[in-house]
Every structure is written in C-alpha cells, then in structure tokens.
C-alpha cells in the first residue's frame, strides 16, 4: 500500500489479529515496514508500506528477547547458536548447583562464566548464580559459609 492508504488505515483506527498473541489489536500498535518496489507500469521506484506482524508488544516480548539472548551469548561468551541448548541438555535441564529443573523457573538459566578468563562453565538458576556471584566465587568464602551454616544447624 502507498503512504496515503497507510495513513488512512491508521486514522481509521482499524484492528487486526496479531500473529503471535492472536488478539485483536489496533493498527496503531504495529510497526510499519517500508520498502522500495519497481512499478511495473511506469518502471519507477516507489515506496511501499505494510504493517509488520506480530504487534509491537509481541515483537518486544518474543522476537527481540530471543535475538538479544542469542547476540549476548555470541558477543560476550563466544557461544554459537544452539550451544546454550546443548549445555542445558547435558545438565538434563537442571541447574548445575541446586539441581532444580528448568520448568520450575520463569526465567531462563544464567550462563555462568569465569570473570577473569571469560570462559563459560555451566547453566545456573538465577538464585544460584546470584549467590555464587555475591560470594565472589571465592572458595574460602564459600567454605566459611558452609562452616557457618553447619554451626547453626
């Protein structure tokens, strides 16, 4: 559609079904894609517009979240696509420290890594990763925490 048709559609506040959430959403809640096409009659290049699907909320919730995760694993940790899932399968979908299954958590597991070398280790639930980090990954502090815990049992 051309720019005028798109503007009329948006002004009419029409609704359409999102391909992800399957809800009826105002056309104002979709990203607009612009591309250039060659008019077959005139041979001239013209702008063409269309509404993206899924809606903006679903794009932000599903598409971008997954892309960011993949980019982050590659950029920061050097993991290729699919290596996270392989690590998770090797751990039987469980946290490497507490052993709880991935299905018990809302968030994905964190990728544990050595902060000095950057080398990845295993996948941890958020609580274990946070605890490990707060103890600064220091064996002496971890042993002292265990000794303290045992003292008060």
Protein backbone atom coordinates (compact mmCIF):
# COMPACT_ATOMS: atom_id res chain seq x y z
CA UNK A 1 0.00 0.00 0.00
CA UNK A 2 1.16 3.56 -0.52
CA UNK A 3 1.71 6.17 2.19
CA UNK A 4 -1.74 7.75 1.82
CA UNK A 5 -3.50 4.40 2.14
CA UNK A 6 -1.45 3.59 5.22
CA UNK A 7 -2.27 6.94 6.84
CA UNK A 8 -5.99 6.44 6.18
CA UNK A 9 -5.82 2.95 7.67
CA UNK A 10 -4.10 4.24 10.82
CA UNK A 11 -6.52 7.17 11.14
CA UNK A 12 -9.49 4.80 10.91
CA UNK A 13 -8.17 3.00 14.00
CA UNK A 14 -8.83 -0.34 12.33
CA UNK A 15 -7.93 -3.53 14.16
CA UNK A 16 -6.25 -6.71 13.04
CA UNK A 17 -5.35 -10.04 14.60
CA UNK A 18 -1.76 -10.36 15.85
CA UNK A 19 0.02 -13.45 14.52
CA UNK A 20 1.59 -14.19 17.94
CA UNK A 21 -0.91 -13.37 20.70
CA UNK A 22 -3.96 -13.90 18.43
CA UNK A 23 -5.63 -10.83 19.92
CA UNK A 24 -7.37 -8.07 18.01
CA UNK A 25 -5.01 -5.09 18.19
CA UNK A 26 -5.31 -1.54 16.84
CA UNK A 27 -3.22 -0.96 13.71
CA UNK A 28 -1.51 1.83 15.66
CA UNK A 29 0.14 -0.92 17.75
CA UNK A 30 2.06 -2.39 14.79
CA UNK A 31 5.42 -1.40 13.37
CA UNK A 32 5.33 -0.11 9.78
CA UNK A 33 7.68 -1.68 7.25
CA UNK A 34 8.80 0.41 4.32
CA UNK A 35 10.39 -0.98 1.19
CA UNK A 36 11.02 0.19 -2.31
CA UNK A 37 9.47 -1.57 -5.28
CA UNK A 38 9.58 -1.02 -9.01
CA UNK A 39 6.23 -0.04 -10.52
CA UNK A 40 5.74 -2.46 -13.43
CA UNK A 41 3.71 0.07 -15.42
CA UNK A 42 6.00 3.08 -15.07
CA UNK A 43 9.30 1.38 -14.29
CA UNK A 44 9.88 3.87 -11.47
CA UNK A 45 10.91 3.07 -7.91
CA UNK A 46 8.13 3.67 -5.40
CA UNK A 47 7.81 3.34 -1.65
CA UNK A 48 5.57 0.56 -0.42
CA UNK A 49 4.32 0.23 3.15
CA UNK A 50 2.87 -2.59 5.18
CA UNK A 51 2.14 -3.34 8.80
CA UNK A 52 4.50 -5.74 10.48
CA UNK A 53 3.13 -8.78 12.21
CA UNK A 54 3.28 -9.53 15.15
CA UNK A 55 2.17 -6.44 17.10
CA UNK A 56 4.70 -4.18 18.85
CA UNK A 57 4.10 -5.79 22.24
CA UNK A 58 4.74 -9.29 20.91
CA UNK A 59 7.79 -8.11 18.96
CA UNK A 60 9.25 -6.72 22.15
CA UNK A 61 8.22 -9.69 24.24
CA UNK A 62 9.14 -12.58 21.95
CA UNK A 63 11.27 -11.65 18.96
CA UNK A 64 13.65 -9.11 20.45
CA UNK A 65 14.15 -11.01 23.71
CA UNK A 66 15.31 -14.11 21.83
CA UNK A 67 17.53 -12.12 19.44
CA UNK A 68 19.17 -10.26 22.33
CA UNK A 69 19.82 -13.54 24.15
CA UNK A 70 21.43 -15.09 21.06
CA UNK A 71 23.50 -11.95 20.36
CA UNK A 72 24.62 -11.73 24.00
CA UNK A 73 25.70 -15.38 24.14
CA UNK A 74 27.73 -14.90 20.95
CA UNK A 75 29.20 -11.47 21.67
CA UNK A 76 30.02 -11.84 25.35
CA UNK A 77 30.64 -15.56 25.75
CA UNK A 78 31.52 -16.69 22.21
CA UNK A 79 28.74 -19.29 22.15
CA UNK A 80 27.42 -20.25 18.76
CA UNK A 81 23.69 -20.64 18.12
CA UNK A 82 22.40 -23.78 19.83
CA UNK A 83 25.30 -24.21 22.28
CA UNK A 84 23.16 -22.91 25.18
CA UNK A 85 20.57 -25.60 24.45
CA UNK A 86 23.32 -28.26 24.23
CA UNK A 87 24.66 -27.22 27.64
CA UNK A 88 21.14 -27.33 29.05
CA UNK A 89 20.58 -30.83 27.64
CA UNK A 90 23.91 -32.03 29.14
CA UNK A 91 22.65 -30.81 32.51
CA UNK A 92 19.31 -32.63 31.98
CA UNK A 93 17.54 -29.23 32.04
CA UNK A 94 18.65 -28.74 35.63
CA UNK A 95 20.66 -26.07 37.46
CA UNK A 96 24.31 -27.15 37.82
CA UNK A 97 24.32 -26.25 41.54
CA UNK A 98 20.89 -26.88 43.11
CA UNK A 99 19.69 -29.45 40.56
CA UNK A 100 16.21 -27.95 40.18
CA UNK A 101 14.59 -28.45 36.78
CA UNK A 102 14.28 -25.54 34.36
CA UNK A 103 10.49 -25.97 34.35
CA UNK A 104 10.38 -24.78 37.98
CA UNK A 105 11.52 -21.28 36.98
CA UNK A 106 10.00 -18.45 34.96
CA UNK A 107 13.36 -17.17 33.70
CA UNK A 108 15.95 -18.96 31.58
CA UNK A 109 19.06 -20.17 33.34
CA UNK A 110 22.03 -17.82 33.55
CA UNK A 111 25.23 -18.73 31.75
CA UNK A 112 27.89 -19.00 34.46
CA UNK A 113 31.36 -17.90 33.43
CA UNK A 114 34.77 -17.14 34.87
CA UNK A 115 35.01 -13.35 35.20
CA UNK A 116 38.80 -13.38 34.75
CA UNK A 117 39.04 -15.61 31.68
CA UNK A 118 35.53 -15.21 30.27
CA UNK A 119 35.30 -18.98 29.81
CA UNK A 120 31.82 -20.43 30.28
CA UNK A 121 31.12 -23.11 32.87
CA UNK A 122 27.54 -24.25 33.29
CA UNK A 123 23.97 -23.01 33.48
CA UNK A 124 22.62 -21.85 36.82
CA UNK A 125 19.22 -20.78 38.07
CA UNK A 126 19.03 -17.10 38.95
CA UNK A 127 19.26 -17.73 42.71
CA UNK A 128 22.36 -19.94 42.48
CA UNK A 129 24.03 -17.56 40.04
CA UNK A 130 23.29 -14.60 42.28
CA UNK A 131 24.53 -16.40 45.40
CA UNK A 132 27.68 -17.60 43.66
CA UNK A 133 28.36 -14.06 42.48
CA UNK A 134 27.70 -12.48 45.88
CA UNK A 135 30.28 -14.84 47.39
CA UNK A 136 32.65 -13.54 44.69
CA UNK A 137 33.23 -17.14 43.51
CA UNK A 138 35.76 -17.36 46.35
CA UNK A 139 36.27 -20.91 47.65
CA UNK A 140 37.34 -19.65 51.10
CA UNK A 141 34.18 -17.57 51.48
CA UNK A 142 32.03 -20.47 50.27
CA UNK A 143 33.70 -22.84 52.76
CA UNK A 144 33.24 -20.28 55.55
CA UNK A 145 29.54 -20.04 54.64
CA UNK A 146 29.20 -23.84 54.82
CA UNK A 147 31.03 -23.90 58.17
CA UNK A 148 28.74 -21.15 59.48
CA UNK A 149 25.63 -22.98 58.23
CA UNK A 150 26.74 -26.25 59.85
CA UNK A 151 27.42 -24.46 63.15
CA UNK A 152 23.80 -23.32 63.37
CA UNK A 153 22.00 -26.47 62.31
